[in-house]
Amino acid sequence: MTENQIKHLEFIHTNISHMNQCSFQMKGWTITIVSALLALYAASIDINTNPKGNLAFVLISIFPAIIFWLLDSYYLQQERKFRGIYNEIANLNCNKITTVKDFEMPLNKYSGGDYSYISSLFSITECLLYLSIIIALLIIGIVVSLL
């Protein structure tokens, strides 16, 4: 492996780490905002005047969860594309998609399959976190409205 290839792999690894960090931050922000809105909901409950509280806080918290799910999936897609380039340069791919020149980042050549946005959106890790949050919020909203 040439010195240029090693340096190129370092650049790609930096991008992979950055995408991973952004994805982690999306998850953190989701939990923070949803928790804050649920705290506002809990604070709006008054046994005498408003026993159900302001249910809007629960329902509104679904939207940031969806937005962050979409953003997180984008970062996961980008991370997968950078991993594809990394694997090509390191000769870890059996079926090469393209020949990558030194210091080239051909993200647009990686599409479909694991590199597609839909694949990232519905990956196990994304669905487990975001769908569980959304379903829990919907259940809370339904249960509270029925009380």
C-alpha atoms as a PDB file:
ATOM      1  CA  MET A   1       0.000   0.000   0.000  1.00  0.00           C
ATOM      2  CA  THR A   2       1.394   3.391  -0.969  1.00  0.00           C
ATOM      3  CA  GLU A   3       1.837   6.351   1.336  1.00  0.00           C
ATOM      4  CA  ASN A   4      -0.907   8.222  -0.560  1.00  0.00           C
ATOM      5  CA  GLN A   5      -3.331   5.346  -0.022  1.00  0.00           C
ATOM      6  CA  ILE A   6      -2.566   5.286   3.700  1.00  0.00           C
ATOM      7  CA  LYS A   7      -3.119   9.056   3.961  1.00  0.00           C
ATOM      8  CA  HIS A   8      -6.335   8.714   1.920  1.00  0.00           C
ATOM      9  CA  LEU A   9      -7.567   6.010   4.305  1.00  0.00           C
ATOM     10  CA  GLU A  10      -6.848   8.356   7.221  1.00  0.00           C
ATOM     11  CA  PHE A  11      -8.934  11.114   5.606  1.00  0.00           C
ATOM     12  CA  ILE A  12     -11.796   8.707   4.987  1.00  0.00           C
ATOM     13  CA  HIS A  13     -11.563   7.369   8.526  1.00  0.00           C
ATOM     14  CA  THR A  14     -11.863  10.936   9.812  1.00  0.00           C
ATOM     15  CA  ASN A  15     -15.040  11.396   7.760  1.00  0.00           C
ATOM     16  CA  ILE A  16     -16.461   8.104   9.007  1.00  0.00           C
ATOM     17  CA  SER A  17     -15.796   9.185  12.594  1.00  0.00           C
ATOM     18  CA  HIS A  18     -17.427  12.549  11.944  1.00  0.00           C
ATOM     19  CA  MET A  19     -20.566  10.950  10.456  1.00  0.00           C
ATOM     20  CA  ASN A  20     -20.718   8.546  13.386  1.00  0.00           C
ATOM     21  CA  GLN A  21     -20.413  11.424  15.856  1.00  0.00           C
ATOM     22  CA  CYS A  22     -23.187  13.355  14.088  1.00  0.00           C
ATOM     23  CA  SER A  23     -25.402  10.279  14.201  1.00  0.00           C
ATOM     24  CA  PHE A  24     -24.724   9.881  17.919  1.00  0.00           C
ATOM     25  CA  GLN A  25     -25.581  13.548  18.501  1.00  0.00           C
ATOM     26  CA  MET A  26     -28.895  13.153  16.629  1.00  0.00           C
ATOM     27  CA  LYS A  27     -29.844  10.371  19.014  1.00  0.00           C
ATOM     28  CA  GLY A  28     -28.821  12.479  22.002  1.00  0.00           C
ATOM     29  CA  TRP A  29     -30.772  15.507  20.816  1.00  0.00           C
ATOM     30  CA  THR A  30     -33.841  13.355  20.188  1.00  0.00           C
ATOM     31  CA  ILE A  31     -33.836  12.007  23.710  1.00  0.00           C
ATOM     32  CA  THR A  32     -33.144  15.451  25.181  1.00  0.00           C
ATOM     33  CA  ILE A  33     -35.932  17.247  23.310  1.00  0.00           C
ATOM     34  CA  VAL A  34     -38.495  14.491  23.821  1.00  0.00           C
ATOM     35  CA  SER A  35     -37.626  14.362  27.528  1.00  0.00           C
ATOM     36  CA  ALA A  36     -37.934  18.147  27.822  1.00  0.00           C
ATOM     37  CA  LEU A  37     -41.343  18.131  26.137  1.00  0.00           C
ATOM     38  CA  LEU A  38     -42.510  15.288  28.388  1.00  0.00           C
ATOM     39  CA  ALA A  39     -41.279  17.273  31.407  1.00  0.00           C
ATOM     40  CA  LEU A  40     -43.346  20.233  30.190  1.00  0.00           C
ATOM     41  CA  TYR A  41     -46.310  17.911  29.838  1.00  0.00           C
ATOM     42  CA  ALA A  42     -45.832  16.632  33.393  1.00  0.00           C
ATOM     43  CA  ALA A  43     -45.558  20.210  34.658  1.00  0.00           C
ATOM     44  CA  SER A  44     -48.852  21.109  32.952  1.00  0.00           C
ATOM     45  CA  ILE A  45     -50.788  18.511  34.971  1.00  0.00           C
ATOM     46  CA  ASP A  46     -52.881  20.047  37.739  1.00  0.00           C
ATOM     47  CA  ILE A  47     -55.094  17.694  39.720  1.00  0.00           C
ATOM     48  CA  ASN A  48     -57.799  20.329  40.274  1.00  0.00           C
ATOM     49  CA  THR A  49     -57.998  22.279  37.015  1.00  0.00           C
ATOM     50  CA  ASN A  50     -56.289  20.180  34.326  1.00  0.00           C
ATOM     51  CA  PRO A  51     -55.887  16.519  35.393  1.00  0.00           C
ATOM     52  CA  LYS A  52     -54.903  15.367  31.870  1.00  0.00           C
ATOM     53  CA  GLY A  53     -52.352  18.120  31.426  1.00  0.00           C
ATOM     54  CA  ASN A  54     -51.588  19.704  28.084  1.00  0.00           C
ATOM     55  CA  LEU A  55     -51.527  16.682  25.776  1.00  0.00           C
ATOM     56  CA  ALA A  56     -50.117  18.843  22.974  1.00  0.00           C
ATOM     57  CA  PHE A  57     -46.630  18.505  24.504  1.00  0.00           C
ATOM     58  CA  VAL A  58     -46.780  14.729  24.060  1.00  0.00           C
ATOM     59  CA  LEU A  59     -48.028  14.923  20.484  1.00  0.00           C
ATOM     60  CA  ILE A  60     -45.627  17.714  19.487  1.00  0.00           C
ATOM     61  CA  SER A  61     -42.694  15.629  20.731  1.00  0.00           C
ATOM     62  CA  ILE A  62     -43.359  13.115  17.940  1.00  0.00           C
ATOM     63  CA  PHE A  63     -42.275  15.629  15.276  1.00  0.00           C
ATOM     64  CA  PRO A  64     -38.709  16.200  16.542  1.00  0.00           C
ATOM     65  CA  ALA A  65     -38.317  12.427  16.826  1.00  0.00           C
ATOM     66  CA  ILE A  66     -39.266  12.048  13.164  1.00  0.00           C
ATOM     67  CA  ILE A  67     -37.031  14.936  12.043  1.00  0.00           C
ATOM     68  CA  PHE A  68     -34.023  13.591  13.941  1.00  0.00           C
ATOM     69  CA  TRP A  69     -34.723  10.091  12.591  1.00  0.00           C
ATOM     70  CA  LEU A  70     -34.517  11.483   9.050  1.00  0.00           C
ATOM     71  CA  LEU A  71     -31.298  13.399   9.813  1.00  0.00           C
ATOM     72  CA  ASP A  72     -29.720  10.463  11.617  1.00  0.00           C
ATOM     73  CA  SER A  73     -30.498   8.215   8.651  1.00  0.00           C
ATOM     74  CA  TYR A  74     -28.790  10.684   6.327  1.00  0.00           C
ATOM     75  CA  TYR A  75     -25.613  10.574   8.437  1.00  0.00           C
ATOM     76  CA  LEU A  76     -25.764   6.775   8.538  1.00  0.00           C
ATOM     77  CA  GLN A  77     -26.090   6.692   4.744  1.00  0.00           C
ATOM     78  CA  GLN A  78     -23.078   8.976   4.343  1.00  0.00           C
ATOM     79  CA  GLU A  79     -21.088   6.881   6.806  1.00  0.00           C
ATOM     80  CA  ARG A  80     -21.880   3.736   4.815  1.00  0.00           C
ATOM     81  CA  LYS A  81     -20.728   5.410   1.600  1.00  0.00           C
ATOM     82  CA  PHE A  82     -17.432   6.452   3.190  1.00  0.00           C
ATOM     83  CA  ARG A  83     -17.015   2.891   4.481  1.00  0.00           C
ATOM     84  CA  GLY A  84     -17.532   1.660   0.919  1.00  0.00           C
ATOM     85  CA  ILE A  85     -14.761   3.935  -0.326  1.00  0.00           C
ATOM     86  CA  TYR A  86     -12.538   2.847   2.558  1.00  0.00           C
ATOM     87  CA  ASN A  87     -13.110  -0.816   1.747  1.00  0.00           C
ATOM     88  CA  GLU A  88     -12.280  -0.211  -1.920  1.00  0.00           C
ATOM     89  CA  ILE A  89      -8.989   1.511  -1.151  1.00  0.00           C
ATOM     90  CA  ALA A  90      -8.014  -1.064   1.469  1.00  0.00           C
ATOM     91  CA  ASN A  91      -8.965  -3.853  -0.979  1.00  0.00           C
ATOM     92  CA  LEU A  92     -11.512  -5.304   1.442  1.00  0.00           C
ATOM     93  CA  ASN A  93     -14.291  -5.483  -1.186  1.00  0.00           C
ATOM     94  CA  CYS A  94     -14.606  -8.629  -3.265  1.00  0.00           C
ATOM     95  CA  ASN A  95     -16.822  -6.938  -5.848  1.00  0.00           C
ATOM     96  CA  LYS A  96     -15.437  -3.478  -6.552  1.00  0.00           C
ATOM     97  CA  ILE A  97     -17.886  -0.759  -7.538  1.00  0.00           C
ATOM     98  CA  THR A  98     -15.326   1.631  -8.917  1.00  0.00           C
ATOM     99  CA  THR A  99     -11.643   2.354  -8.947  1.00  0.00           C
ATOM    100  CA  VAL A 100     -10.923   5.117  -6.486  1.00  0.00           C
ATOM    101  CA  LYS A 101      -8.110   7.498  -7.365  1.00  0.00           C
ATOM    102  CA  ASP A 102      -5.833   8.922  -4.702  1.00  0.00           C
ATOM    103  CA  PHE A 103      -7.679  11.410  -2.477  1.00  0.00           C
ATOM    104  CA  GLU A 104     -10.940  11.005  -4.409  1.00  0.00           C
ATOM    105  CA  MET A 105     -14.244  10.746  -2.503  1.00  0.00           C
ATOM    106  CA  PRO A 106     -16.759   9.454  -5.096  1.00  0.00           C
ATOM    107  CA  LEU A 107     -19.805   9.264  -2.818  1.00  0.00           C
ATOM    108  CA  ASN A 108     -22.221   9.553  -5.753  1.00  0.00           C
ATOM    109  CA  LYS A 109     -20.956   6.233  -7.155  1.00  0.00           C
ATOM    110  CA  TYR A 110     -22.253   4.411  -4.076  1.00  0.00           C
ATOM    111  CA  SER A 111     -26.011   4.058  -4.334  1.00  0.00           C
ATOM    112  CA  GLY A 112     -28.618   1.375  -3.929  1.00  0.00           C
ATOM    113  CA  GLY A 113     -28.546  -1.555  -1.544  1.00  0.00           C
ATOM    114  CA  ASP A 114     -26.889  -0.753   1.763  1.00  0.00           C
ATOM    115  CA  TYR A 115     -25.925   2.674   0.437  1.00  0.00           C
ATOM    116  CA  SER A 116     -29.518   3.819  -0.159  1.00  0.00           C
ATOM    117  CA  TYR A 117     -31.282   6.273   2.115  1.00  0.00           C
ATOM    118  CA  ILE A 118     -34.228   3.890   2.616  1.00  0.00           C
ATOM    119  CA  SER A 119     -31.870   1.151   3.776  1.00  0.00           C
ATOM    120  CA  SER A 120     -30.397   3.533   6.335  1.00  0.00           C
ATOM    121  CA  LEU A 121     -33.806   4.839   7.379  1.00  0.00           C
ATOM    122  CA  PHE A 122     -35.095   1.365   8.165  1.00  0.00           C
ATOM    123  CA  SER A 123     -31.909  -0.127   9.570  1.00  0.00           C
ATOM    124  CA  ILE A 124     -32.307  -2.052  12.802  1.00  0.00           C
ATOM    125  CA  THR A 125     -30.544   0.510  14.983  1.00  0.00           C
ATOM    126  CA  GLU A 126     -32.552   3.422  13.608  1.00  0.00           C
ATOM    127  CA  CYS A 127     -35.909   1.654  13.850  1.00  0.00           C
ATOM    128  CA  LEU A 128     -35.302   0.330  17.360  1.00  0.00           C
ATOM    129  CA  LEU A 129     -34.639   3.767  18.776  1.00  0.00           C
ATOM    130  CA  TYR A 130     -36.917   6.058  16.809  1.00  0.00           C
ATOM    131  CA  LEU A 131     -39.894   3.756  16.332  1.00  0.00           C
ATOM    132  CA  SER A 132     -39.861   2.825  20.009  1.00  0.00           C
ATOM    133  CA  ILE A 133     -39.876   6.519  20.970  1.00  0.00           C
ATOM    134  CA  ILE A 134     -42.660   7.348  18.517  1.00  0.00           C
ATOM    135  CA  ILE A 135     -44.776   4.342  19.530  1.00  0.00           C
ATOM    136  CA  ALA A 136     -44.277   5.114  23.227  1.00  0.00           C
ATOM    137  CA  LEU A 137     -45.367   8.725  22.668  1.00  0.00           C
ATOM    138  CA  LEU A 138     -48.428   7.594  20.730  1.00  0.00           C
ATOM    139  CA  ILE A 139     -49.358   5.142  23.480  1.00  0.00           C
ATOM    140  CA  ILE A 140     -48.940   7.841  26.133  1.00  0.00           C
ATOM    141  CA  GLY A 141     -51.094  10.196  24.067  1.00  0.00           C
ATOM    142  CA  ILE A 142     -53.843   7.606  23.563  1.00  0.00           C
ATOM    143  CA  VAL A 143     -53.853   6.445  27.193  1.00  0.00           C
ATOM    144  CA  VAL A 144     -53.958   9.986  28.560  1.00  0.00           C
ATOM    145  CA  SER A 145     -56.719  11.047  26.177  1.00  0.00           C
ATOM    146  CA  LEU A 146     -58.834   8.042  27.213  1.00  0.00           C
ATOM    147  CA  LEU A 147     -58.503   8.740  30.966  1.00  0.00           C
END
